[in-house]
Amino acid sequence: MEVTGFSADVREQIYKVASVNLCSNISGQILASLIMSPPKVGDESYESFMAEKENILSSLARRAKILEDGFNKLEGVTCNKAEGAMYLFPQIRLPQKAIKAAEAANTAPDAFYCKRLLNATGVVVVPGSGFGQVPGTWHFRCTILPQEEKIPAIVSRFTEFHEKFMNEFRD
């Protein structure tokens, strides 16, 4: 931001207001403090905190497993277990015909696949080519954060798209 034509006092106030965005707000500071210092055994909120924490972590594990299993059932896709992250990075082996179509579109093959997926299903994944993958391999990154009850529908839409894509570009 450039501030010109204002007195020094006014500029100082404008910069002060703009600088507020560089710091977390009060709620954010309180939340960070609570996360860094969770309830301890014997604290009034300990039991509810532990129950909520377990519920969230269990749900994330279930979501990751459903997605992992769904990806591993797809032709040419392998997906490792999510370990300590909210993402899966499936590897996808694309048919040569799809790779050639991507090259003709001046697009990385995994980006080509991801864009087609988005346009066909509304499901957003990120091409692995942006993460420095091994040349000649293709991946995408998929989050496990959608609500748990929505994951099966995502897997279903993904599966339907993938089967059509592979049939379209089968060598």
N, C-alpha and C. Protein backbone atom coordinates (compact mmCIF):
# COMPACT_ATOMS: atom_id res chain seq x y z
N MET A 1 0.85 -1.16 0.00
CA MET A 1 0.00 0.00 0.00
C MET A 1 0.90 1.23 0.00
N GLU A 2 0.50 2.18 -0.77
CA GLU A 2 1.22 3.45 -0.80
C GLU A 2 0.29 4.54 -0.30
N VAL A 3 0.77 5.33 0.62
CA VAL A 3 -0.05 6.39 1.20
C VAL A 3 0.65 7.72 0.91
N THR A 4 0.07 8.52 0.02
CA THR A 4 0.65 9.82 -0.31
C THR A 4 -0.41 10.89 -0.20
N GLY A 5 0.02 12.11 0.00
CA GLY A 5 -0.91 13.23 0.06
C GLY A 5 -1.58 13.40 1.41
N PHE A 6 -1.12 12.67 2.41
CA PHE A 6 -1.68 12.80 3.75
C PHE A 6 -0.61 13.35 4.69
N SER A 7 -1.05 13.99 5.74
CA SER A 7 -0.08 14.49 6.73
C SER A 7 0.56 13.29 7.43
N ALA A 8 1.67 13.55 8.09
CA ALA A 8 2.40 12.48 8.79
C ALA A 8 1.53 11.83 9.86
N ASP A 9 0.73 12.63 10.56
CA ASP A 9 -0.15 12.08 11.61
C ASP A 9 -1.18 11.12 11.03
N VAL A 10 -1.79 11.49 9.91
CA VAL A 10 -2.79 10.64 9.26
C VAL A 10 -2.12 9.37 8.73
N ARG A 11 -0.96 9.51 8.07
CA ARG A 11 -0.22 8.33 7.56
C ARG A 11 0.09 7.36 8.69
N GLU A 12 0.50 7.90 9.84
CA GLU A 12 0.83 7.05 10.99
C GLU A 12 -0.39 6.24 11.43
N GLN A 13 -1.55 6.85 11.46
CA GLN A 13 -2.77 6.15 11.85
C GLN A 13 -3.17 5.09 10.82
N ILE A 14 -3.02 5.42 9.54
CA ILE A 14 -3.34 4.45 8.48
C ILE A 14 -2.42 3.24 8.59
N TYR A 15 -1.12 3.47 8.78
CA TYR A 15 -0.17 2.35 8.93
C TYR A 15 -0.47 1.52 10.18
N LYS A 16 -0.92 2.20 11.24
CA LYS A 16 -1.26 1.50 12.47
C LYS A 16 -2.44 0.55 12.23
N VAL A 17 -3.46 1.04 11.54
CA VAL A 17 -4.64 0.21 11.22
C VAL A 17 -4.22 -0.95 10.32
N ALA A 18 -3.38 -0.68 9.31
CA ALA A 18 -2.92 -1.75 8.40
C ALA A 18 -2.08 -2.77 9.15
N SER A 19 -1.30 -2.33 10.13
CA SER A 19 -0.42 -3.24 10.87
C SER A 19 -1.19 -4.21 11.76
N VAL A 20 -2.41 -3.84 12.14
CA VAL A 20 -3.23 -4.73 12.97
C VAL A 20 -3.40 -6.08 12.28
N ASN A 21 -3.45 -6.09 10.94
CA ASN A 21 -3.62 -7.33 10.19
C ASN A 21 -2.42 -8.26 10.30
N LEU A 22 -1.30 -7.77 10.78
CA LEU A 22 -0.10 -8.59 10.91
C LEU A 22 -0.12 -9.42 12.19
N CYS A 23 -1.00 -9.10 13.11
CA CYS A 23 -1.07 -9.79 14.40
C CYS A 23 -2.39 -10.54 14.49
N SER A 24 -2.36 -11.65 15.20
CA SER A 24 -3.62 -12.37 15.39
C SER A 24 -4.52 -11.56 16.31
N ASN A 25 -5.83 -11.70 16.10
CA ASN A 25 -6.79 -10.98 16.93
C ASN A 25 -6.85 -11.60 18.32
N ILE A 26 -7.60 -10.98 19.19
CA ILE A 26 -7.70 -11.44 20.58
C ILE A 26 -8.17 -12.89 20.63
N SER A 27 -9.21 -13.23 19.86
CA SER A 27 -9.71 -14.61 19.86
C SER A 27 -8.62 -15.58 19.43
N GLY A 28 -7.87 -15.21 18.39
CA GLY A 28 -6.78 -16.06 17.92
C GLY A 28 -5.70 -16.24 18.97
N GLN A 29 -5.39 -15.18 19.70
CA GLN A 29 -4.37 -15.27 20.74
C GLN A 29 -4.84 -16.16 21.89
N ILE A 30 -6.11 -16.03 22.26
CA ILE A 30 -6.66 -16.88 23.33
C ILE A 30 -6.65 -18.34 22.89
N LEU A 31 -7.09 -18.60 21.64
CA LEU A 31 -7.11 -19.97 21.13
C LEU A 31 -5.71 -20.57 21.11
N ALA A 32 -4.73 -19.80 20.63
CA ALA A 32 -3.35 -20.30 20.60
C ALA A 32 -2.87 -20.62 22.01
N SER A 33 -3.22 -19.78 22.96
CA SER A 33 -2.83 -20.02 24.35
C SER A 33 -3.47 -21.31 24.89
N LEU A 34 -4.75 -21.52 24.57
CA LEU A 34 -5.43 -22.73 25.03
C LEU A 34 -4.84 -23.99 24.40
N ILE A 35 -4.48 -23.90 23.13
CA ILE A 35 -3.90 -25.06 22.45
C ILE A 35 -2.54 -25.40 23.05
N MET A 36 -1.79 -24.37 23.39
CA MET A 36 -0.45 -24.58 23.94
C MET A 36 -0.50 -25.06 25.38
N SER A 37 -1.62 -24.84 26.03
CA SER A 37 -1.75 -25.21 27.43
C SER A 37 -3.13 -25.85 27.65
N PRO A 38 -3.33 -27.09 27.13
CA PRO A 38 -4.65 -27.72 27.24
C PRO A 38 -4.99 -28.08 28.69
N PRO A 39 -6.26 -28.38 28.93
CA PRO A 39 -6.66 -28.79 30.29
C PRO A 39 -5.85 -30.00 30.75
N LYS A 40 -5.58 -30.03 32.03
CA LYS A 40 -4.81 -31.13 32.63
C LYS A 40 -5.74 -32.02 33.44
N VAL A 41 -5.29 -33.23 33.72
CA VAL A 41 -6.07 -34.16 34.54
C VAL A 41 -6.48 -33.44 35.82
N GLY A 42 -7.76 -33.54 36.13
CA GLY A 42 -8.29 -32.88 37.32
C GLY A 42 -8.95 -31.55 37.02
N ASP A 43 -8.60 -30.93 35.88
CA ASP A 43 -9.26 -29.68 35.51
C ASP A 43 -10.72 -29.96 35.15
N GLU A 44 -11.59 -28.98 35.40
CA GLU A 44 -13.02 -29.15 35.17
C GLU A 44 -13.35 -29.55 33.73
N SER A 45 -12.62 -29.01 32.76
CA SER A 45 -12.93 -29.28 31.36
C SER A 45 -12.10 -30.41 30.75
N TYR A 46 -11.29 -31.08 31.55
CA TYR A 46 -10.39 -32.11 31.00
C TYR A 46 -11.15 -33.22 30.28
N GLU A 47 -12.18 -33.78 30.90
CA GLU A 47 -12.91 -34.90 30.30
C GLU A 47 -13.56 -34.52 28.97
N SER A 48 -14.21 -33.36 28.93
CA SER A 48 -14.86 -32.95 27.68
C SER A 48 -13.82 -32.61 26.62
N PHE A 49 -12.70 -32.02 27.04
CA PHE A 49 -11.62 -31.73 26.08
C PHE A 49 -11.09 -33.02 25.46
N MET A 50 -10.81 -34.01 26.28
CA MET A 50 -10.26 -35.28 25.78
C MET A 50 -11.27 -36.00 24.88
N ALA A 51 -12.54 -35.96 25.25
CA ALA A 51 -13.58 -36.60 24.42
C ALA A 51 -13.67 -35.91 23.06
N GLU A 52 -13.66 -34.59 23.05
CA GLU A 52 -13.74 -33.86 21.79
C GLU A 52 -12.49 -34.11 20.94
N LYS A 53 -11.35 -34.10 21.57
CA LYS A 53 -10.09 -34.34 20.85
C LYS A 53 -10.10 -35.73 20.22
N GLU A 54 -10.51 -36.73 20.98
CA GLU A 54 -10.56 -38.11 20.47
C GLU A 54 -11.57 -38.23 19.33
N ASN A 55 -12.70 -37.57 19.46
CA ASN A 55 -13.73 -37.60 18.42
C ASN A 55 -13.20 -37.01 17.11
N ILE A 56 -12.53 -35.88 17.22
CA ILE A 56 -11.98 -35.22 16.02
C ILE A 56 -10.90 -36.08 15.38
N LEU A 57 -9.96 -36.57 16.17
CA LEU A 57 -8.86 -37.37 15.62
C LEU A 57 -9.37 -38.69 15.02
N SER A 58 -10.35 -39.31 15.66
CA SER A 58 -10.92 -40.55 15.13
C SER A 58 -11.64 -40.30 13.80
N SER A 59 -12.36 -39.20 13.73
CA SER A 59 -13.06 -38.86 12.49
C SER A 59 -12.06 -38.61 11.36
N LEU A 60 -10.99 -37.89 11.65
CA LEU A 60 -9.96 -37.65 10.62
C LEU A 60 -9.36 -38.97 10.14
N ALA A 61 -9.11 -39.89 11.06
CA ALA A 61 -8.54 -41.20 10.69
C ALA A 61 -9.52 -41.98 9.82
N ARG A 62 -10.80 -41.94 10.15
CA ARG A 62 -11.81 -42.65 9.34
C ARG A 62 -11.90 -42.04 7.94
N ARG A 63 -11.90 -40.72 7.86
CA ARG A 63 -11.96 -40.05 6.56
C ARG A 63 -10.76 -40.43 5.70
N ALA A 64 -9.58 -40.39 6.31
CA ALA A 64 -8.36 -40.73 5.56
C ALA A 64 -8.43 -42.16 5.05
N LYS A 65 -8.91 -43.07 5.87
CA LYS A 65 -8.99 -44.49 5.49
C LYS A 65 -9.99 -44.70 4.35
N ILE A 66 -11.13 -44.04 4.42
CA ILE A 66 -12.14 -44.18 3.35
C ILE A 66 -11.56 -43.68 2.03
N LEU A 67 -10.91 -42.52 2.06
CA LEU A 67 -10.31 -41.98 0.84
C LEU A 67 -9.17 -42.87 0.34
N GLU A 68 -8.30 -43.28 1.24
CA GLU A 68 -7.18 -44.16 0.87
C GLU A 68 -7.70 -45.43 0.20
N ASP A 69 -8.68 -46.08 0.80
CA ASP A 69 -9.24 -47.30 0.22
C ASP A 69 -9.89 -47.02 -1.13
N GLY A 70 -10.60 -45.91 -1.23
CA GLY A 70 -11.24 -45.55 -2.49
C GLY A 70 -10.22 -45.33 -3.60
N PHE A 71 -9.13 -44.62 -3.29
CA PHE A 71 -8.09 -44.39 -4.29
C PHE A 71 -7.41 -45.69 -4.70
N ASN A 72 -7.13 -46.54 -3.73
CA ASN A 72 -6.42 -47.79 -4.03
C ASN A 72 -7.25 -48.77 -4.86
N LYS A 73 -8.55 -48.56 -4.95
CA LYS A 73 -9.40 -49.41 -5.79
C LYS A 73 -9.41 -48.95 -7.25
N LEU A 74 -8.88 -47.76 -7.51
CA LEU A 74 -8.92 -47.21 -8.86
C LEU A 74 -7.77 -47.75 -9.71
N GLU A 75 -8.06 -47.99 -10.96
CA GLU A 75 -7.06 -48.45 -11.92
C GLU A 75 -5.91 -47.45 -11.99
N GLY A 76 -4.69 -47.93 -11.79
CA GLY A 76 -3.51 -47.08 -11.95
C GLY A 76 -3.25 -46.11 -10.82
N VAL A 77 -3.95 -46.25 -9.70
CA VAL A 77 -3.76 -45.34 -8.57
C VAL A 77 -3.28 -46.13 -7.36
N THR A 78 -2.25 -45.61 -6.70
CA THR A 78 -1.81 -46.18 -5.43
C THR A 78 -1.72 -45.05 -4.42
N CYS A 79 -2.15 -45.34 -3.20
CA CYS A 79 -2.19 -44.31 -2.18
C CYS A 79 -1.69 -44.89 -0.86
N ASN A 80 -0.68 -44.25 -0.30
CA ASN A 80 -0.17 -44.65 1.01
C ASN A 80 -1.08 -44.12 2.11
N LYS A 81 -0.95 -44.69 3.28
CA LYS A 81 -1.71 -44.27 4.45
C LYS A 81 -1.30 -42.85 4.84
N ALA A 82 -2.26 -42.05 5.27
CA ALA A 82 -1.96 -40.72 5.80
C ALA A 82 -1.33 -40.90 7.18
N GLU A 83 -0.20 -40.26 7.38
CA GLU A 83 0.47 -40.36 8.67
C GLU A 83 0.79 -38.96 9.19
N GLY A 84 -0.02 -38.49 10.10
CA GLY A 84 0.25 -37.22 10.74
C GLY A 84 -0.02 -35.99 9.89
N ALA A 85 -0.84 -36.12 8.89
CA ALA A 85 -1.15 -34.97 8.05
C ALA A 85 -2.63 -34.99 7.70
N MET A 86 -3.08 -33.94 7.10
CA MET A 86 -4.47 -33.91 6.67
C MET A 86 -4.58 -34.05 5.16
N TYR A 87 -3.55 -34.66 4.56
CA TYR A 87 -3.52 -34.85 3.11
C TYR A 87 -3.14 -36.28 2.76
N LEU A 88 -3.62 -36.70 1.61
CA LEU A 88 -3.16 -37.92 0.96
C LEU A 88 -2.50 -37.50 -0.35
N PHE A 89 -1.48 -38.25 -0.78
CA PHE A 89 -0.78 -37.97 -2.03
C PHE A 89 -0.80 -39.20 -2.92
N PRO A 90 -1.95 -39.53 -3.52
CA PRO A 90 -1.99 -40.70 -4.39
C PRO A 90 -1.11 -40.51 -5.63
N GLN A 91 -0.48 -41.61 -6.04
CA GLN A 91 0.25 -41.62 -7.31
C GLN A 91 -0.71 -42.15 -8.36
N ILE A 92 -0.68 -41.51 -9.53
CA ILE A 92 -1.56 -41.93 -10.62
C ILE A 92 -0.71 -42.22 -11.85
N ARG A 93 -0.92 -43.41 -12.39
CA ARG A 93 -0.22 -43.80 -13.63
C ARG A 93 -1.19 -43.55 -14.78
N LEU A 94 -0.87 -42.51 -15.54
CA LEU A 94 -1.76 -42.08 -16.62
C LEU A 94 -1.41 -42.77 -17.93
N PRO A 95 -2.41 -43.07 -18.74
CA PRO A 95 -2.15 -43.64 -20.05
C PRO A 95 -1.37 -42.65 -20.93
N GLN A 96 -0.56 -43.18 -21.83
CA GLN A 96 0.24 -42.34 -22.74
C GLN A 96 -0.64 -41.36 -23.51
N LYS A 97 -1.81 -41.81 -23.89
CA LYS A 97 -2.73 -40.95 -24.63
C LYS A 97 -3.12 -39.72 -23.80
N ALA A 98 -3.30 -39.87 -22.50
CA ALA A 98 -3.61 -38.74 -21.62
C ALA A 98 -2.40 -37.83 -21.48
N ILE A 99 -1.22 -38.42 -21.37
CA ILE A 99 0.01 -37.63 -21.26
C ILE A 99 0.21 -36.79 -22.52
N LYS A 100 -0.03 -37.40 -23.68
CA LYS A 100 0.09 -36.66 -24.95
C LYS A 100 -0.95 -35.54 -25.04
N ALA A 101 -2.17 -35.80 -24.59
CA ALA A 101 -3.22 -34.76 -24.59
C ALA A 101 -2.83 -33.61 -23.67
N ALA A 102 -2.22 -33.93 -22.54
CA ALA A 102 -1.77 -32.89 -21.61
C ALA A 102 -0.66 -32.06 -22.25
N GLU A 103 0.29 -32.73 -22.91
CA GLU A 103 1.38 -32.02 -23.57
C GLU A 103 0.84 -31.12 -24.68
N ALA A 104 -0.15 -31.60 -25.42
CA ALA A 104 -0.77 -30.80 -26.47
C ALA A 104 -1.45 -29.55 -25.89
N ALA A 105 -1.94 -29.67 -24.67
CA ALA A 105 -2.58 -28.55 -23.98
C ALA A 105 -1.56 -27.71 -23.21
N ASN A 106 -0.27 -28.07 -23.35
CA ASN A 106 0.82 -27.37 -22.66
C ASN A 106 0.60 -27.35 -21.14
N THR A 107 0.22 -28.52 -20.63
CA THR A 107 -0.09 -28.69 -19.21
C THR A 107 0.58 -29.94 -18.69
N ALA A 108 1.02 -29.91 -17.44
CA ALA A 108 1.56 -31.13 -16.82
C ALA A 108 0.45 -32.17 -16.77
N PRO A 109 0.78 -33.45 -17.00
CA PRO A 109 -0.26 -34.48 -17.02
C PRO A 109 -1.11 -34.56 -15.75
N ASP A 110 -0.50 -34.39 -14.58
CA ASP A 110 -1.31 -34.45 -13.36
C ASP A 110 -2.21 -33.22 -13.24
N ALA A 111 -1.74 -32.07 -13.70
CA ALA A 111 -2.58 -30.86 -13.70
C ALA A 111 -3.74 -31.03 -14.68
N PHE A 112 -3.48 -31.66 -15.81
CA PHE A 112 -4.51 -31.96 -16.81
C PHE A 112 -5.60 -32.83 -16.18
N TYR A 113 -5.19 -33.87 -15.48
CA TYR A 113 -6.12 -34.77 -14.80
C TYR A 113 -6.93 -34.01 -13.74
N CYS A 114 -6.23 -33.22 -12.92
CA CYS A 114 -6.90 -32.50 -11.83
C CYS A 114 -7.90 -31.48 -12.36
N LYS A 115 -7.56 -30.80 -13.44
CA LYS A 115 -8.48 -29.82 -14.01
C LYS A 115 -9.71 -30.50 -14.59
N ARG A 116 -9.50 -31.62 -15.25
CA ARG A 116 -10.64 -32.38 -15.79
C ARG A 116 -11.53 -32.87 -14.64
N LEU A 117 -10.91 -33.34 -13.56
CA LEU A 117 -11.67 -33.78 -12.39
C LEU A 117 -12.52 -32.64 -11.83
N LEU A 118 -11.92 -31.48 -11.66
CA LEU A 118 -12.64 -30.32 -11.13
C LEU A 118 -13.82 -29.96 -12.03
N ASN A 119 -13.58 -29.88 -13.33
CA ASN A 119 -14.65 -29.50 -14.25
C ASN A 119 -15.78 -30.52 -14.29
N ALA A 120 -15.44 -31.78 -14.15
CA ALA A 120 -16.46 -32.84 -14.24
C ALA A 120 -17.22 -33.06 -12.93
N THR A 121 -16.56 -32.83 -11.79
CA THR A 121 -17.16 -33.23 -10.52
C THR A 121 -17.27 -32.13 -9.48
N GLY A 122 -16.46 -31.08 -9.63
CA GLY A 122 -16.39 -30.05 -8.58
C GLY A 122 -15.45 -30.43 -7.46
N VAL A 123 -14.81 -31.60 -7.56
CA VAL A 123 -13.86 -32.05 -6.54
C VAL A 123 -12.50 -31.41 -6.84
N VAL A 124 -11.95 -30.75 -5.83
CA VAL A 124 -10.67 -30.06 -5.99
C VAL A 124 -9.54 -30.88 -5.38
N VAL A 125 -8.54 -31.19 -6.19
CA VAL A 125 -7.28 -31.77 -5.71
C VAL A 125 -6.16 -30.93 -6.33
N VAL A 126 -4.98 -31.03 -5.77
CA VAL A 126 -3.85 -30.21 -6.23
C VAL A 126 -2.86 -31.11 -6.96
N PRO A 127 -2.44 -30.72 -8.17
CA PRO A 127 -1.47 -31.54 -8.91
C PRO A 127 -0.16 -31.68 -8.16
N GLY A 128 0.39 -32.87 -8.19
CA GLY A 128 1.67 -33.12 -7.52
C GLY A 128 2.84 -32.44 -8.19
N SER A 129 2.68 -32.05 -9.45
CA SER A 129 3.79 -31.41 -10.17
C SER A 129 4.22 -30.12 -9.49
N GLY A 130 3.39 -29.54 -8.67
CA GLY A 130 3.76 -28.34 -7.92
C GLY A 130 4.56 -28.63 -6.67
N PHE A 131 4.79 -29.92 -6.37
CA PHE A 131 5.48 -30.30 -5.14
C PHE A 131 6.85 -30.91 -5.39
N GLY A 132 7.35 -30.86 -6.62
CA GLY A 132 8.67 -31.38 -6.91
C GLY A 132 8.74 -32.89 -6.93
N GLN A 133 7.78 -33.55 -7.53
CA GLN A 133 7.77 -35.01 -7.60
C GLN A 133 8.86 -35.54 -8.52
N VAL A 134 9.14 -36.82 -8.43
CA VAL A 134 10.13 -37.46 -9.28
C VAL A 134 9.69 -37.34 -10.74
N PRO A 135 10.59 -36.88 -11.63
CA PRO A 135 10.19 -36.75 -13.04
C PRO A 135 9.62 -38.06 -13.59
N GLY A 136 8.55 -37.91 -14.37
CA GLY A 136 7.91 -39.08 -14.97
C GLY A 136 6.88 -39.75 -14.08
N THR A 137 6.70 -39.24 -12.87
CA THR A 137 5.64 -39.76 -11.98
C THR A 137 4.61 -38.66 -11.81
N TRP A 138 3.39 -39.08 -11.52
CA TRP A 138 2.30 -38.11 -11.39
C TRP A 138 1.53 -38.39 -10.12
N HIS A 139 1.20 -37.33 -9.41
CA HIS A 139 0.49 -37.44 -8.14
C HIS A 139 -0.54 -36.32 -8.05
N PHE A 140 -1.34 -36.38 -7.03
CA PHE A 140 -2.17 -35.23 -6.66
C PHE A 140 -2.31 -35.25 -5.15
N ARG A 141 -2.58 -34.08 -4.60
CA ARG A 141 -2.78 -33.97 -3.16
C ARG A 141 -4.26 -33.78 -2.90
N CYS A 142 -4.76 -34.53 -1.95
CA CYS A 142 -6.17 -34.50 -1.59
C CYS A 142 -6.28 -34.32 -0.08
N THR A 143 -7.07 -33.37 0.35
CA THR A 143 -7.26 -33.17 1.78
C THR A 143 -8.28 -34.17 2.34
N ILE A 144 -8.17 -34.42 3.64
CA ILE A 144 -9.13 -35.30 4.31
C ILE A 144 -10.10 -34.48 5.15
N LEU A 145 -10.17 -33.17 4.93
CA LEU A 145 -10.95 -32.29 5.79
C LEU A 145 -12.44 -32.16 5.49
N PRO A 146 -12.96 -32.56 4.32
CA PRO A 146 -14.42 -32.46 4.18
C PRO A 146 -15.14 -33.21 5.30
N GLN A 147 -16.35 -32.79 5.58
CA GLN A 147 -17.13 -33.44 6.63
C GLN A 147 -17.20 -34.94 6.36
N GLU A 148 -17.12 -35.72 7.42
CA GLU A 148 -17.06 -37.17 7.29
C GLU A 148 -18.21 -37.75 6.48
N GLU A 149 -19.41 -37.22 6.67
CA GLU A 149 -20.56 -37.77 5.95
C GLU A 149 -20.52 -37.46 4.45
N LYS A 150 -19.68 -36.53 4.03
CA LYS A 150 -19.57 -36.19 2.61
C LYS A 150 -18.50 -37.02 1.89
N ILE A 151 -17.63 -37.66 2.62
CA ILE A 151 -16.51 -38.41 2.02
C ILE A 151 -16.99 -39.52 1.07
N PRO A 152 -17.96 -40.36 1.44
CA PRO A 152 -18.39 -41.41 0.49
C PRO A 152 -18.87 -40.85 -0.85
N ALA A 153 -19.59 -39.73 -0.83
CA ALA A 153 -20.05 -39.13 -2.09
C ALA A 153 -18.88 -38.62 -2.91
N ILE A 154 -17.87 -38.10 -2.25
CA ILE A 154 -16.67 -37.63 -2.96
C ILE A 154 -15.98 -38.82 -3.62
N VAL A 155 -15.84 -39.91 -2.89
CA VAL A 155 -15.21 -41.11 -3.45
C VAL A 155 -16.01 -41.61 -4.64
N SER A 156 -17.32 -41.58 -4.53
CA SER A 156 -18.18 -42.04 -5.63
C SER A 156 -18.00 -41.17 -6.87
N ARG A 157 -18.05 -39.86 -6.71
CA ARG A 157 -17.85 -38.94 -7.85
C ARG A 157 -16.46 -39.11 -8.45
N PHE A 158 -15.47 -39.26 -7.57
CA PHE A 158 -14.09 -39.43 -8.04
C PHE A 158 -13.96 -40.72 -8.85
N THR A 159 -14.54 -41.79 -8.34
CA THR A 159 -14.47 -43.09 -9.01
C THR A 159 -15.12 -43.03 -10.38
N GLU A 160 -16.30 -42.44 -10.45
CA GLU A 160 -17.01 -42.33 -11.72
C GLU A 160 -16.17 -41.52 -12.73
N PHE A 161 -15.62 -40.40 -12.28
CA PHE A 161 -14.78 -39.59 -13.17
C PHE A 161 -13.57 -40.39 -13.65
N HIS A 162 -12.89 -41.03 -12.71
CA HIS A 162 -11.65 -41.73 -13.04
C HIS A 162 -11.89 -42.83 -14.08
N GLU A 163 -12.95 -43.58 -13.90
CA GLU A 163 -13.26 -44.65 -14.86
C GLU A 163 -13.51 -44.08 -16.25
N LYS A 164 -14.26 -42.98 -16.34
CA LYS A 164 -14.52 -42.34 -17.63
C LYS A 164 -13.22 -41.79 -18.23
N PHE A 165 -12.40 -41.17 -17.41
CA PHE A 165 -11.13 -40.60 -17.87
C PHE A 165 -10.24 -41.70 -18.44
N MET A 166 -10.08 -42.77 -17.69
CA MET A 166 -9.21 -43.86 -18.13
C MET A 166 -9.75 -44.49 -19.41
N ASN A 167 -11.06 -44.65 -19.53
CA ASN A 167 -11.65 -45.20 -20.76
C ASN A 167 -11.43 -44.27 -21.95
N GLU A 168 -11.56 -42.99 -21.72
CA GLU A 168 -11.36 -42.00 -22.78
C GLU A 168 -9.92 -42.02 -23.31
N PHE A 169 -8.97 -42.20 -22.43
CA PHE A 169 -7.56 -42.10 -22.82
C PHE A 169 -6.83 -43.43 -22.85
N ARG A 170 -7.60 -44.50 -22.77
CA ARG A 170 -6.96 -45.83 -22.79
C ARG A 170 -6.13 -45.99 -24.06
N ASP A 171 -4.91 -46.49 -23.90
CA ASP A 171 -3.99 -46.67 -25.06
C ASP A 171 -4.45 -47.78 -25.97
